[in-house]
Amino acid sequence: MRTPGDLARHTLLQVSGVTRGDWSAWLSAAGQPKKRAEGSRLTFDLAMMAVQATVDGLGVCIGRSTYVEEDLRAGRLVAPFDLRLKSDLGFYLVTPHELADSPKVQAFRSWLMDSVDSGAET
């Protein structure tokens, strides 16, 4: 696959729900017709299922880079294009209100934030 136009010959894989418009947004940013996202495609409920289907050769997946970093490093997947889009979506730590200030939750929250901060530097 050399150009985004080559996607017309492939099955597009995506995850349903909040990210269902990812292909349309990416294709638009790549200068491709959004209608291409309506072609041959498979939709999955979970990101890990879409990624595994891609590893298995069922199509070309779109999704969050954080979900595929290890597969990219290991060579199970390749990123055919350099175009990356920023997202407003995020991850949230949630807990019952009465446990929010417990030592265990505070320790986990601190560890999580330290991990995110150190990961952003690499």
PDB file of N, CA and C in Angstrom:
ATOM      1  N   MET A   1       0.852  -1.154   0.000  1.00  0.00           N
ATOM      2  CA  MET A   1       0.000   0.000   0.000  1.00  0.00           C
ATOM      3  C   MET A   1       0.912   1.235   0.000  1.00  0.00           C
ATOM      4  N   ARG A   2       0.739   2.064  -1.010  1.00  0.00           N
ATOM      5  CA  ARG A   2       1.616   3.231  -1.150  1.00  0.00           C
ATOM      6  C   ARG A   2       0.937   4.549  -0.830  1.00  0.00           C
ATOM      7  N   THR A   3      -0.352   4.673  -1.172  1.00  0.00           N
ATOM      8  CA  THR A   3      -1.069   5.922  -0.942  1.00  0.00           C
ATOM      9  C   THR A   3      -2.393   5.623  -0.252  1.00  0.00           C
ATOM     10  N   PRO A   4      -2.981   6.617   0.408  1.00  0.00           N
ATOM     11  CA  PRO A   4      -4.291   6.396   1.029  1.00  0.00           C
ATOM     12  C   PRO A   4      -5.355   5.945   0.032  1.00  0.00           C
ATOM     13  N   GLY A   5      -5.217   6.302  -1.234  1.00  0.00           N
ATOM     14  CA  GLY A   5      -6.164   5.851  -2.245  1.00  0.00           C
ATOM     15  C   GLY A   5      -6.182   4.344  -2.399  1.00  0.00           C
ATOM     16  N   ASP A   6      -5.068   3.686  -2.058  1.00  0.00           N
ATOM     17  CA  ASP A   6      -4.996   2.227  -2.152  1.00  0.00           C
ATOM     18  C   ASP A   6      -5.949   1.532  -1.171  1.00  0.00           C
ATOM     19  N   LEU A   7      -6.424   2.264  -0.179  1.00  0.00           N
ATOM     20  CA  LEU A   7      -7.361   1.672   0.787  1.00  0.00           C
ATOM     21  C   LEU A   7      -8.653   1.206   0.128  1.00  0.00           C
ATOM     22  N   ALA A   8      -8.960   1.728  -1.040  1.00  0.00           N
ATOM     23  CA  ALA A   8     -10.185   1.346  -1.745  1.00  0.00           C
ATOM     24  C   ALA A   8     -10.201  -0.149  -2.068  1.00  0.00           C
ATOM     25  N   ARG A   9      -9.045  -0.779  -2.110  1.00  0.00           N
ATOM     26  CA  ARG A   9      -8.951  -2.204  -2.433  1.00  0.00           C
ATOM     27  C   ARG A   9      -8.869  -3.095  -1.189  1.00  0.00           C
ATOM     28  N   HIS A  10      -9.099  -2.507  -0.024  1.00  0.00           N
ATOM     29  CA  HIS A  10      -8.966  -3.256   1.230  1.00  0.00           C
ATOM     30  C   HIS A  10     -10.226  -3.144   2.074  1.00  0.00           C
ATOM     31  N   THR A  11     -10.440  -4.132   2.923  1.00  0.00           N
ATOM     32  CA  THR A  11     -11.521  -4.087   3.901  1.00  0.00           C
ATOM     33  C   THR A  11     -11.068  -3.205   5.051  1.00  0.00           C
ATOM     34  N   LEU A  12     -11.887  -2.226   5.410  1.00  0.00           N
ATOM     35  CA  LEU A  12     -11.563  -1.336   6.511  1.00  0.00           C
ATOM     36  C   LEU A  12     -12.128  -1.913   7.805  1.00  0.00           C
ATOM     37  N   LEU A  13     -11.302  -1.960   8.833  1.00  0.00           N
ATOM     38  CA  LEU A  13     -11.706  -2.481  10.131  1.00  0.00           C
ATOM     39  C   LEU A  13     -11.812  -1.320  11.106  1.00  0.00           C
ATOM     40  N   GLN A  14     -12.839  -1.346  11.935  1.00  0.00           N
ATOM     41  CA  GLN A  14     -13.021  -0.261  12.892  1.00  0.00           C
ATOM     42  C   GLN A  14     -13.709  -0.777  14.138  1.00  0.00           C
ATOM     43  N   VAL A  15     -13.733   0.078  15.150  1.00  0.00           N
ATOM     44  CA  VAL A  15     -14.395  -0.238  16.414  1.00  0.00           C
ATOM     45  C   VAL A  15     -15.657   0.610  16.494  1.00  0.00           C
ATOM     46  N   SER A  16     -16.744   0.006  16.957  1.00  0.00           N
ATOM     47  CA  SER A  16     -18.018   0.727  17.067  1.00  0.00           C
ATOM     48  C   SER A  16     -18.005   1.677  18.259  1.00  0.00           C
ATOM     49  N   GLY A  17     -19.081   2.381  18.430  1.00  0.00           N
ATOM     50  CA  GLY A  17     -19.214   3.266  19.574  1.00  0.00           C
ATOM     51  C   GLY A  17     -18.648   4.645  19.295  1.00  0.00           C
ATOM     52  N   VAL A  18     -18.005   5.214  20.277  1.00  0.00           N
ATOM     53  CA  VAL A  18     -17.491   6.580  20.209  1.00  0.00           C
ATOM     54  C   VAL A  18     -16.528   6.783  19.042  1.00  0.00           C
ATOM     55  N   THR A  19     -15.793   5.743  18.664  1.00  0.00           N
ATOM     56  CA  THR A  19     -14.775   5.877  17.619  1.00  0.00           C
ATOM     57  C   THR A  19     -15.273   5.484  16.228  1.00  0.00           C
ATOM     58  N   ARG A  20     -16.562   5.302  16.057  1.00  0.00           N
ATOM     59  CA  ARG A  20     -17.096   4.824  14.777  1.00  0.00           C
ATOM     60  C   ARG A  20     -16.816   5.768  13.613  1.00  0.00           C
ATOM     61  N   GLY A  21     -16.560   7.035  13.878  1.00  0.00           N
ATOM     62  CA  GLY A  21     -16.275   7.995  12.809  1.00  0.00           C
ATOM     63  C   GLY A  21     -14.800   8.170  12.493  1.00  0.00           C
ATOM     64  N   ASP A  22     -13.952   7.315  13.063  1.00  0.00           N
ATOM     65  CA  ASP A  22     -12.502   7.457  12.863  1.00  0.00           C
ATOM     66  C   ASP A  22     -12.089   7.397  11.396  1.00  0.00           C
ATOM     67  N   TRP A  23     -12.637   6.448  10.642  1.00  0.00           N
ATOM     68  CA  TRP A  23     -12.242   6.325   9.235  1.00  0.00           C
ATOM     69  C   TRP A  23     -12.640   7.574   8.454  1.00  0.00           C
ATOM     70  N   SER A  24     -13.834   8.078   8.675  1.00  0.00           N
ATOM     71  CA  SER A  24     -14.267   9.282   7.961  1.00  0.00           C
ATOM     72  C   SER A  24     -13.342  10.454   8.257  1.00  0.00           C
ATOM     73  N   ALA A  25     -12.994  10.638   9.526  1.00  0.00           N
ATOM     74  CA  ALA A  25     -12.105  11.743   9.912  1.00  0.00           C
ATOM     75  C   ALA A  25     -10.728  11.565   9.295  1.00  0.00           C
ATOM     76  N   TRP A  26     -10.195  10.342   9.343  1.00  0.00           N
ATOM     77  CA  TRP A  26      -8.853  10.103   8.812  1.00  0.00           C
ATOM     78  C   TRP A  26      -8.833  10.273   7.293  1.00  0.00           C
ATOM     79  N   LEU A  27      -9.809   9.693   6.614  1.00  0.00           N
ATOM     80  CA  LEU A  27      -9.867   9.812   5.157  1.00  0.00           C
ATOM     81  C   LEU A  27      -9.977  11.270   4.726  1.00  0.00           C
ATOM     82  N   SER A  28     -10.776  12.033   5.432  1.00  0.00           N
ATOM     83  CA  SER A  28     -10.912  13.450   5.123  1.00  0.00           C
ATOM     84  C   SER A  28      -9.571  14.174   5.296  1.00  0.00           C
ATOM     85  N   ALA A  29      -8.878  13.898   6.389  1.00  0.00           N
ATOM     86  CA  ALA A  29      -7.561  14.511   6.632  1.00  0.00           C
ATOM     87  C   ALA A  29      -6.538  14.076   5.587  1.00  0.00           C
ATOM     88  N   ALA A  30      -6.710  12.883   5.025  1.00  0.00           N
ATOM     89  CA  ALA A  30      -5.793  12.361   4.008  1.00  0.00           C
ATOM     90  C   ALA A  30      -6.173  12.810   2.607  1.00  0.00           C
ATOM     91  N   GLY A  31      -7.225  13.628   2.501  1.00  0.00           N
ATOM     92  CA  GLY A  31      -7.653  14.112   1.188  1.00  0.00           C
ATOM     93  C   GLY A  31      -8.416  13.084   0.376  1.00  0.00           C
ATOM     94  N   GLN A  32      -8.977  12.096   1.060  1.00  0.00           N
ATOM     95  CA  GLN A  32      -9.735  11.041   0.397  1.00  0.00           C
ATOM     96  C   GLN A  32     -11.230  11.265   0.613  1.00  0.00           C
ATOM     97  N   PRO A  33     -12.058  10.746  -0.280  1.00  0.00           N
ATOM     98  CA  PRO A  33     -13.509  10.897  -0.086  1.00  0.00           C
ATOM     99  C   PRO A  33     -13.977  10.117   1.148  1.00  0.00           C
ATOM    100  N   LYS A  34     -14.773  10.761   1.994  1.00  0.00           N
ATOM    101  CA  LYS A  34     -15.315  10.096   3.180  1.00  0.00           C
ATOM    102  C   LYS A  34     -16.145   8.880   2.795  1.00  0.00           C
ATOM    103  N   LYS A  35     -16.697   8.909   1.591  1.00  0.00           N
ATOM    104  CA  LYS A  35     -17.534   7.809   1.112  1.00  0.00           C
ATOM    105  C   LYS A  35     -16.760   6.484   1.093  1.00  0.00           C
ATOM    106  N   ARG A  36     -15.449   6.577   0.986  1.00  0.00           N
ATOM    107  CA  ARG A  36     -14.619   5.365   0.976  1.00  0.00           C
ATOM    108  C   ARG A  36     -14.829   4.571   2.263  1.00  0.00           C
ATOM    109  N   ALA A  37     -15.159   5.245   3.361  1.00  0.00           N
ATOM    110  CA  ALA A  37     -15.396   4.560   4.637  1.00  0.00           C
ATOM    111  C   ALA A  37     -16.667   3.724   4.599  1.00  0.00           C
ATOM    112  N   GLU A  38     -17.492   3.915   3.595  1.00  0.00           N
ATOM    113  CA  GLU A  38     -18.738   3.156   3.481  1.00  0.00           C
ATOM    114  C   GLU A  38     -18.569   1.882   2.662  1.00  0.00           C
ATOM    115  N   GLY A  39     -17.371   1.637   2.166  1.00  0.00           N
ATOM    116  CA  GLY A  39     -17.114   0.448   1.357  1.00  0.00           C
ATOM    117  C   GLY A  39     -17.013  -0.798   2.217  1.00  0.00           C
ATOM    118  N   SER A  40     -16.233  -1.744   1.745  1.00  0.00           N
ATOM    119  CA  SER A  40     -16.057  -3.009   2.450  1.00  0.00           C
ATOM    120  C   SER A  40     -15.438  -2.761   3.821  1.00  0.00           C
ATOM    121  N   ARG A  41     -16.158  -3.170   4.885  1.00  0.00           N
ATOM    122  CA  ARG A  41     -15.620  -2.965   6.219  1.00  0.00           C
ATOM    123  C   ARG A  41     -16.197  -3.958   7.209  1.00  0.00           C
ATOM    124  N   LEU A  42     -15.474  -4.125   8.286  1.00  0.00           N
ATOM    125  CA  LEU A  42     -15.911  -4.938   9.415  1.00  0.00           C
ATOM    126  C   LEU A  42     -15.857  -4.058  10.651  1.00  0.00           C
ATOM    127  N   THR A  43     -16.860  -4.165  11.496  1.00  0.00           N
ATOM    128  CA  THR A  43     -16.911  -3.374  12.712  1.00  0.00           C
ATOM    129  C   THR A  43     -16.894  -4.313  13.909  1.00  0.00           C
ATOM    130  N   PHE A  44     -16.098  -3.954  14.908  1.00  0.00           N
ATOM    131  CA  PHE A  44     -15.943  -4.771  16.111  1.00  0.00           C
ATOM    132  C   PHE A  44     -16.368  -3.972  17.335  1.00  0.00           C
ATOM    133  N   ASP A  45     -16.786  -4.678  18.374  1.00  0.00           N
ATOM    134  CA  ASP A  45     -17.182  -4.027  19.621  1.00  0.00           C
ATOM    135  C   ASP A  45     -15.980  -3.626  20.461  1.00  0.00           C
ATOM    136  N   LEU A  46     -14.882  -4.347  20.333  1.00  0.00           N
ATOM    137  CA  LEU A  46     -13.697  -4.105  21.152  1.00  0.00           C
ATOM    138  C   LEU A  46     -12.479  -3.837  20.281  1.00  0.00           C
ATOM    139  N   ALA A  47     -11.652  -2.907  20.714  1.00  0.00           N
ATOM    140  CA  ALA A  47     -10.440  -2.566  19.964  1.00  0.00           C
ATOM    141  C   ALA A  47      -9.528  -3.775  19.801  1.00  0.00           C
ATOM    142  N   MET A  48      -9.392  -4.582  20.847  1.00  0.00           N
ATOM    143  CA  MET A  48      -8.486  -5.734  20.759  1.00  0.00           C
ATOM    144  C   MET A  48      -8.943  -6.725  19.691  1.00  0.00           C
ATOM    145  N   MET A  49     -10.244  -6.803  19.446  1.00  0.00           N
ATOM    146  CA  MET A  49     -10.747  -7.688  18.395  1.00  0.00           C
ATOM    147  C   MET A  49     -10.383  -7.141  17.010  1.00  0.00           C
ATOM    148  N   ALA A  50     -10.507  -5.837  16.837  1.00  0.00           N
ATOM    149  CA  ALA A  50     -10.157  -5.226  15.553  1.00  0.00           C
ATOM    150  C   ALA A  50      -8.666  -5.368  15.289  1.00  0.00           C
ATOM    151  N   VAL A  51      -7.858  -5.178  16.318  1.00  0.00           N
ATOM    152  CA  VAL A  51      -6.404  -5.314  16.161  1.00  0.00           C
ATOM    153  C   VAL A  51      -6.053  -6.761  15.802  1.00  0.00           C
ATOM    154  N   GLN A  52      -6.648  -7.726  16.495  1.00  0.00           N
ATOM    155  CA  GLN A  52      -6.355  -9.127  16.184  1.00  0.00           C
ATOM    156  C   GLN A  52      -6.796  -9.485  14.768  1.00  0.00           C
ATOM    157  N   ALA A  53      -7.928  -8.969  14.326  1.00  0.00           N
ATOM    158  CA  ALA A  53      -8.380  -9.213  12.956  1.00  0.00           C
ATOM    159  C   ALA A  53      -7.382  -8.643  11.956  1.00  0.00           C
ATOM    160  N   THR A  54      -6.781  -7.521  12.294  1.00  0.00           N
ATOM    161  CA  THR A  54      -5.762  -6.944  11.420  1.00  0.00           C
ATOM    162  C   THR A  54      -4.520  -7.820  11.397  1.00  0.00           C
ATOM    163  N   VAL A  55      -4.073  -8.269  12.559  1.00  0.00           N
ATOM    164  CA  VAL A  55      -2.918  -9.177  12.635  1.00  0.00           C
ATOM    165  C   VAL A  55      -3.197 -10.430  11.817  1.00  0.00           C
ATOM    166  N   ASP A  56      -4.441 -10.897  11.838  1.00  0.00           N
ATOM    167  CA  ASP A  56      -4.837 -12.103  11.102  1.00  0.00           C
ATOM    168  C   ASP A  56      -5.022 -11.864   9.610  1.00  0.00           C
ATOM    169  N   GLY A  57      -4.857 -10.615   9.174  1.00  0.00           N
ATOM    170  CA  GLY A  57      -4.911 -10.314   7.749  1.00  0.00           C
ATOM    171  C   GLY A  57      -6.302 -10.074   7.184  1.00  0.00           C
ATOM    172  N   LEU A  58      -7.262  -9.725   8.029  1.00  0.00           N
ATOM    173  CA  LEU A  58      -8.629  -9.526   7.543  1.00  0.00           C
ATOM    174  C   LEU A  58      -8.891  -8.142   6.968  1.00  0.00           C
ATOM    175  N   GLY A  59      -7.971  -7.213   7.171  1.00  0.00           N
ATOM    176  CA  GLY A  59      -8.172  -5.870   6.636  1.00  0.00           C
ATOM    177  C   GLY A  59      -7.211  -4.871   7.236  1.00  0.00           C
ATOM    178  N   VAL A  60      -7.539  -3.602   7.055  1.00  0.00           N
ATOM    179  CA  VAL A  60      -6.727  -2.488   7.538  1.00  0.00           C
ATOM    180  C   VAL A  60      -7.500  -1.827   8.672  1.00  0.00           C
ATOM    181  N   CYS A  61      -6.882  -1.728   9.814  1.00  0.00           N
ATOM    182  CA  CYS A  61      -7.546  -1.212  11.012  1.00  0.00           C
ATOM    183  C   CYS A  61      -7.203   0.250  11.249  1.00  0.00           C
ATOM    184  N   ILE A  62      -8.138   0.951  11.822  1.00  0.00           N
ATOM    185  CA  ILE A  62      -7.890   2.303  12.314  1.00  0.00           C
ATOM    186  C   ILE A  62      -8.207   2.291  13.801  1.00  0.00           C
ATOM    187  N   GLY A  63      -7.412   3.030  14.548  1.00  0.00           N
ATOM    188  CA  GLY A  63      -7.657   3.066  15.985  1.00  0.00           C
ATOM    189  C   GLY A  63      -6.584   3.833  16.718  1.00  0.00           C
ATOM    190  N   ARG A  64      -6.536   3.651  17.987  1.00  0.00           N
ATOM    191  CA  ARG A  64      -5.615   4.369  18.850  1.00  0.00           C
ATOM    192  C   ARG A  64      -4.235   3.728  18.838  1.00  0.00           C
ATOM    193  N   SER A  65      -3.211   4.563  18.655  1.00  0.00           N
ATOM    194  CA  SER A  65      -1.843   4.051  18.589  1.00  0.00           C
ATOM    195  C   SER A  65      -1.434   3.371  19.889  1.00  0.00           C
ATOM    196  N   THR A  66      -1.983   3.810  21.019  1.00  0.00           N
ATOM    197  CA  THR A  66      -1.630   3.189  22.293  1.00  0.00           C
ATOM    198  C   THR A  66      -2.006   1.710  22.339  1.00  0.00           C
ATOM    199  N   TYR A  67      -3.003   1.311  21.563  1.00  0.00           N
ATOM    200  CA  TYR A  67      -3.427  -0.086  21.553  1.00  0.00           C
ATOM    201  C   TYR A  67      -2.522  -0.979  20.712  1.00  0.00           C
ATOM    202  N   VAL A  68      -1.738  -0.403  19.831  1.00  0.00           N
ATOM    203  CA  VAL A  68      -0.968  -1.219  18.894  1.00  0.00           C
ATOM    204  C   VAL A  68       0.539  -1.012  18.980  1.00  0.00           C
ATOM    205  N   GLU A  69       1.006  -0.224  19.929  1.00  0.00           N
ATOM    206  CA  GLU A  69       2.441   0.047  20.027  1.00  0.00           C
ATOM    207  C   GLU A  69       3.280  -1.222  20.053  1.00  0.00           C
ATOM    208  N   GLU A  70       2.892  -2.181  20.881  1.00  0.00           N
ATOM    209  CA  GLU A  70       3.656  -3.423  21.000  1.00  0.00           C
ATOM    210  C   GLU A  70       3.609  -4.223  19.695  1.00  0.00           C
ATOM    211  N   ASP A  71       2.464  -4.284  19.042  1.00  0.00           N
ATOM    212  CA  ASP A  71       2.353  -5.004  17.772  1.00  0.00           C
ATOM    213  C   ASP A  71       3.194  -4.342  16.687  1.00  0.00           C
ATOM    214  N   LEU A  72       3.272  -3.027  16.707  1.00  0.00           N
ATOM    215  CA  LEU A  72       4.123  -2.314  15.742  1.00  0.00           C
ATOM    216  C   LEU A  72       5.591  -2.622  16.010  1.00  0.00           C
ATOM    217  N   ARG A  73       5.996  -2.544  17.285  1.00  0.00           N
ATOM    218  CA  ARG A  73       7.402  -2.835  17.638  1.00  0.00           C
ATOM    219  C   ARG A  73       7.787  -4.267  17.276  1.00  0.00           C
ATOM    220  N   ALA A  74       6.854  -5.195  17.494  1.00  0.00           N
ATOM    221  CA  ALA A  74       7.137  -6.615  17.238  1.00  0.00           C
ATOM    222  C   ALA A  74       7.040  -6.970  15.756  1.00  0.00           C
ATOM    223  N   GLY A  75       6.551  -6.053  14.924  1.00  0.00           N
ATOM    224  CA  GLY A  75       6.443  -6.327  13.498  1.00  0.00           C
ATOM    225  C   GLY A  75       5.185  -7.082  13.098  1.00  0.00           C
ATOM    226  N   ARG A  76       4.255  -7.273  14.038  1.00  0.00           N
ATOM    227  CA  ARG A  76       2.995  -7.933  13.688  1.00  0.00           C
ATOM    228  C   ARG A  76       2.106  -7.006  12.875  1.00  0.00           C
ATOM    229  N   LEU A  77       2.285  -5.715  13.067  1.00  0.00           N
ATOM    230  CA  LEU A  77       1.545  -4.693  12.327  1.00  0.00           C
ATOM    231  C   LEU A  77       2.508  -3.654  11.783  1.00  0.00           C
ATOM    232  N   VAL A  78       2.093  -2.969  10.741  1.00  0.00           N
ATOM    233  CA  VAL A  78       2.854  -1.835  10.206  1.00  0.00           C
ATOM    234  C   VAL A  78       1.889  -0.664  10.052  1.00  0.00           C
ATOM    235  N   ALA A  79       2.430   0.535  10.186  1.00  0.00           N
ATOM    236  CA  ALA A  79       1.641   1.745   9.949  1.00  0.00           C
ATOM    237  C   ALA A  79       1.990   2.205   8.536  1.00  0.00           C
ATOM    238  N   PRO A  80       1.100   1.983   7.571  1.00  0.00           N
ATOM    239  CA  PRO A  80       1.452   2.264   6.179  1.00  0.00           C
ATOM    240  C   PRO A  80       1.558   3.748   5.838  1.00  0.00           C
ATOM    241  N   PHE A  81       0.991   4.610   6.691  1.00  0.00           N
ATOM    242  CA  PHE A  81       1.011   6.046   6.406  1.00  0.00           C
ATOM    243  C   PHE A  81       1.436   6.807   7.656  1.00  0.00           C
ATOM    244  N   ASP A  82       2.016   7.971   7.459  1.00  0.00           N
ATOM    245  CA  ASP A  82       2.485   8.779   8.580  1.00  0.00           C
ATOM    246  C   ASP A  82       1.398   9.663   9.195  1.00  0.00           C
ATOM    247  N   LEU A  83       0.258   9.768   8.585  1.00  0.00           N
ATOM    248  CA  LEU A  83      -0.789  10.666   9.055  1.00  0.00           C
ATOM    249  C   LEU A  83      -1.379  10.184  10.380  1.00  0.00           C
ATOM    250  N   ARG A  84      -1.278  11.028  11.400  1.00  0.00           N
ATOM    251  CA  ARG A  84      -1.856  10.743  12.714  1.00  0.00           C
ATOM    252  C   ARG A  84      -2.774  11.899  13.076  1.00  0.00           C
ATOM    253  N   LEU A  85      -3.914  11.587  13.656  1.00  0.00           N
ATOM    254  CA  LEU A  85      -4.851  12.615  14.097  1.00  0.00           C
ATOM    255  C   LEU A  85      -4.869  12.671  15.615  1.00  0.00           C
ATOM    256  N   LYS A  86      -5.011  13.849  16.148  1.00  0.00           N
ATOM    257  CA  LYS A  86      -5.163  14.009  17.598  1.00  0.00           C
ATOM    258  C   LYS A  86      -6.623  13.766  17.945  1.00  0.00           C
ATOM    259  N   SER A  87      -6.835  13.309  19.156  1.00  0.00           N
ATOM    260  CA  SER A  87      -8.186  12.991  19.597  1.00  0.00           C
ATOM    261  C   SER A  87      -8.491  13.695  20.915  1.00  0.00           C
ATOM    262  N   ASP A  88      -9.752  14.031  21.087  1.00  0.00           N
ATOM    263  CA  ASP A  88     -10.203  14.605  22.353  1.00  0.00           C
ATOM    264  C   ASP A  88     -10.543  13.513  23.365  1.00  0.00           C
ATOM    265  N   LEU A  89     -10.556  12.275  22.914  1.00  0.00           N
ATOM    266  CA  LEU A  89     -10.916  11.176  23.804  1.00  0.00           C
ATOM    267  C   LEU A  89      -9.796  10.918  24.793  1.00  0.00           C
ATOM    268  N   GLY A  90     -10.144  10.404  25.953  1.00  0.00           N
ATOM    269  CA  GLY A  90      -9.139  10.135  26.968  1.00  0.00           C
ATOM    270  C   GLY A  90      -9.526   8.948  27.825  1.00  0.00           C
ATOM    271  N   PHE A  91      -8.700   8.696  28.813  1.00  0.00           N
ATOM    272  CA  PHE A  91      -8.954   7.632  29.774  1.00  0.00           C
ATOM    273  C   PHE A  91      -9.260   8.285  31.112  1.00  0.00           C
ATOM    274  N   TYR A  92     -10.081   7.632  31.889  1.00  0.00           N
ATOM    275  CA  TYR A  92     -10.496   8.192  33.167  1.00  0.00           C
ATOM    276  C   TYR A  92     -10.352   7.155  34.263  1.00  0.00           C
ATOM    277  N   LEU A  93      -9.866   7.597  35.398  1.00  0.00           N
ATOM    278  CA  LEU A  93      -9.819   6.755  36.584  1.00  0.00           C
ATOM    279  C   LEU A  93     -11.074   7.064  37.382  1.00  0.00           C
ATOM    280  N   VAL A  94     -11.881   6.051  37.622  1.00  0.00           N
ATOM    281  CA  VAL A  94     -13.117   6.251  38.370  1.00  0.00           C
ATOM    282  C   VAL A  94     -13.150   5.324  39.575  1.00  0.00           C
ATOM    283  N   THR A  95     -13.773   5.794  40.629  1.00  0.00           N
ATOM    284  CA  THR A  95     -13.908   5.015  41.858  1.00  0.00           C
ATOM    285  C   THR A  95     -15.122   5.536  42.608  1.00  0.00           C
ATOM    286  N   PRO A  96     -15.712   4.718  43.454  1.00  0.00           N
ATOM    287  CA  PRO A  96     -16.799   5.247  44.274  1.00  0.00           C
ATOM    288  C   PRO A  96     -16.306   6.441  45.099  1.00  0.00           C
ATOM    289  N   HIS A  97     -17.151   7.435  45.257  1.00  0.00           N
ATOM    290  CA  HIS A  97     -16.776   8.671  45.945  1.00  0.00           C
ATOM    291  C   HIS A  97     -16.154   8.395  47.320  1.00  0.00           C
ATOM    292  N   GLU A  98     -16.721   7.468  48.045  1.00  0.00           N
ATOM    293  CA  GLU A  98     -16.243   7.199  49.406  1.00  0.00           C
ATOM    294  C   GLU A  98     -14.846   6.552  49.434  1.00  0.00           C
ATOM    295  N   LEU A  99     -14.376   6.028  48.307  1.00  0.00           N
ATOM    296  CA  LEU A  99     -13.043   5.415  48.257  1.00  0.00           C
ATOM    297  C   LEU A  99     -11.995   6.306  47.575  1.00  0.00           C
ATOM    298  N   ALA A 100     -12.422   7.433  47.055  1.00  0.00           N
ATOM    299  CA  ALA A 100     -11.527   8.280  46.250  1.00  0.00           C
ATOM    300  C   ALA A 100     -10.269   8.710  46.996  1.00  0.00           C
ATOM    301  N   ASP A 101     -10.357   8.908  48.289  1.00  0.00           N
ATOM    302  CA  ASP A 101      -9.193   9.367  49.051  1.00  0.00           C
ATOM    303  C   ASP A 101      -8.528   8.256  49.857  1.00  0.00           C
ATOM    304  N   SER A 102      -8.890   7.017  49.587  1.00  0.00           N
ATOM    305  CA  SER A 102      -8.264   5.914  50.318  1.00  0.00           C
ATOM    306  C   SER A 102      -6.793   5.797  49.902  1.00  0.00           C
ATOM    307  N   PRO A 103      -5.936   5.310  50.788  1.00  0.00           N
ATOM    308  CA  PRO A 103      -4.505   5.192  50.471  1.00  0.00           C
ATOM    309  C   PRO A 103      -4.232   4.352  49.207  1.00  0.00           C
ATOM    310  N   LYS A 104      -4.984   3.279  49.010  1.00  0.00           N
ATOM    311  CA  LYS A 104      -4.772   2.430  47.837  1.00  0.00           C
ATOM    312  C   LYS A 104      -5.096   3.179  46.545  1.00  0.00           C
ATOM    313  N   VAL A 105      -6.210   3.900  46.524  1.00  0.00           N
ATOM    314  CA  VAL A 105      -6.595   4.644  45.328  1.00  0.00           C
ATOM    315  C   VAL A 105      -5.608   5.784  45.094  1.00  0.00           C
ATOM    316  N   GLN A 106      -5.187   6.472  46.148  1.00  0.00           N
ATOM    317  CA  GLN A 106      -4.209   7.549  46.003  1.00  0.00           C
ATOM    318  C   GLN A 106      -2.887   7.013  45.459  1.00  0.00           C
ATOM    319  N   ALA A 107      -2.447   5.855  45.973  1.00  0.00           N
ATOM    320  CA  ALA A 107      -1.192   5.256  45.502  1.00  0.00           C
ATOM    321  C   ALA A 107      -1.311   4.869  44.032  1.00  0.00           C
ATOM    322  N   PHE A 108      -2.431   4.269  43.649  1.00  0.00           N
ATOM    323  CA  PHE A 108      -2.621   3.881  42.252  1.00  0.00           C
ATOM    324  C   PHE A 108      -2.670   5.110  41.349  1.00  0.00           C
ATOM    325  N   ARG A 109      -3.406   6.138  41.784  1.00  0.00           N
ATOM    326  CA  ARG A 109      -3.510   7.376  41.007  1.00  0.00           C
ATOM    327  C   ARG A 109      -2.124   8.005  40.817  1.00  0.00           C
ATOM    328  N   SER A 110      -1.313   8.041  41.866  1.00  0.00           N
ATOM    329  CA  SER A 110       0.053   8.592  41.768  1.00  0.00           C
ATOM    330  C   SER A 110       0.910   7.770  40.813  1.00  0.00           C
ATOM    331  N   TRP A 111       0.822   6.435  40.947  1.00  0.00           N
ATOM    332  CA  TRP A 111       1.602   5.572  40.052  1.00  0.00           C
ATOM    333  C   TRP A 111       1.177   5.773  38.602  1.00  0.00           C
ATOM    334  N   LEU A 112      -0.122   5.843  38.384  1.00  0.00           N
ATOM    335  CA  LEU A 112      -0.648   6.015  37.037  1.00  0.00           C
ATOM    336  C   LEU A 112      -0.180   7.339  36.430  1.00  0.00           C
ATOM    337  N   MET A 113      -0.281   8.409  37.176  1.00  0.00           N
ATOM    338  CA  MET A 113       0.143   9.716  36.671  1.00  0.00           C
ATOM    339  C   MET A 113       1.653   9.743  36.424  1.00  0.00           C
ATOM    340  N   ASP A 114       2.441   9.129  37.304  1.00  0.00           N
ATOM    341  CA  ASP A 114       3.890   9.047  37.089  1.00  0.00           C
ATOM    342  C   ASP A 114       4.202   8.259  35.821  1.00  0.00           C
ATOM    343  N   SER A 115       3.452   7.182  35.602  1.00  0.00           N
ATOM    344  CA  SER A 115       3.665   6.357  34.393  1.00  0.00           C
ATOM    345  C   SER A 115       3.332   7.142  33.128  1.00  0.00           C
ATOM    346  N   VAL A 116       2.246   7.888  33.147  1.00  0.00           N
ATOM    347  CA  VAL A 116       1.842   8.687  31.994  1.00  0.00           C
ATOM    348  C   VAL A 116       2.869   9.789  31.745  1.00  0.00           C
ATOM    349  N   ASP A 117       3.296  10.464  32.793  1.00  0.00           N
ATOM    350  CA  ASP A 117       4.273  11.535  32.663  1.00  0.00           C
ATOM    351  C   ASP A 117       5.606  11.030  32.121  1.00  0.00           C
ATOM    352  N   SER A 118       6.078   9.889  32.613  1.00  0.00           N
ATOM    353  CA  SER A 118       7.362   9.374  32.137  1.00  0.00           C
ATOM    354  C   SER A 118       7.237   8.827  30.716  1.00  0.00           C
ATOM    355  N   GLY A 119       6.060   8.313  30.345  1.00  0.00           N
ATOM    356  CA  GLY A 119       5.843   7.812  28.993  1.00  0.00           C
ATOM    357  C   GLY A 119       5.797   8.918  27.967  1.00  0.00           C
ATOM    358  N   ALA A 120       5.373  10.101  28.366  1.00  0.00           N
ATOM    359  CA  ALA A 120       5.288  11.233  27.447  1.00  0.00           C
ATOM    360  C   ALA A 120       6.669  11.756  27.096  1.00  0.00           C
ATOM    361  N   GLU A 121       7.664  11.465  27.930  1.00  0.00           N
ATOM    362  CA  GLU A 121       9.010  11.969  27.675  1.00  0.00           C
ATOM    363  C   GLU A 121       9.793  11.086  26.724  1.00  0.00           C
ATOM    364  N   THR A 122       9.380   9.844  26.567  1.00  0.00           N
ATOM    365  CA  THR A 122      10.149   8.929  25.719  1.00  0.00           C
ATOM    366  C   THR A 122       9.709   8.998  24.286  1.00  0.00           C
TER     367      THR A 122
END
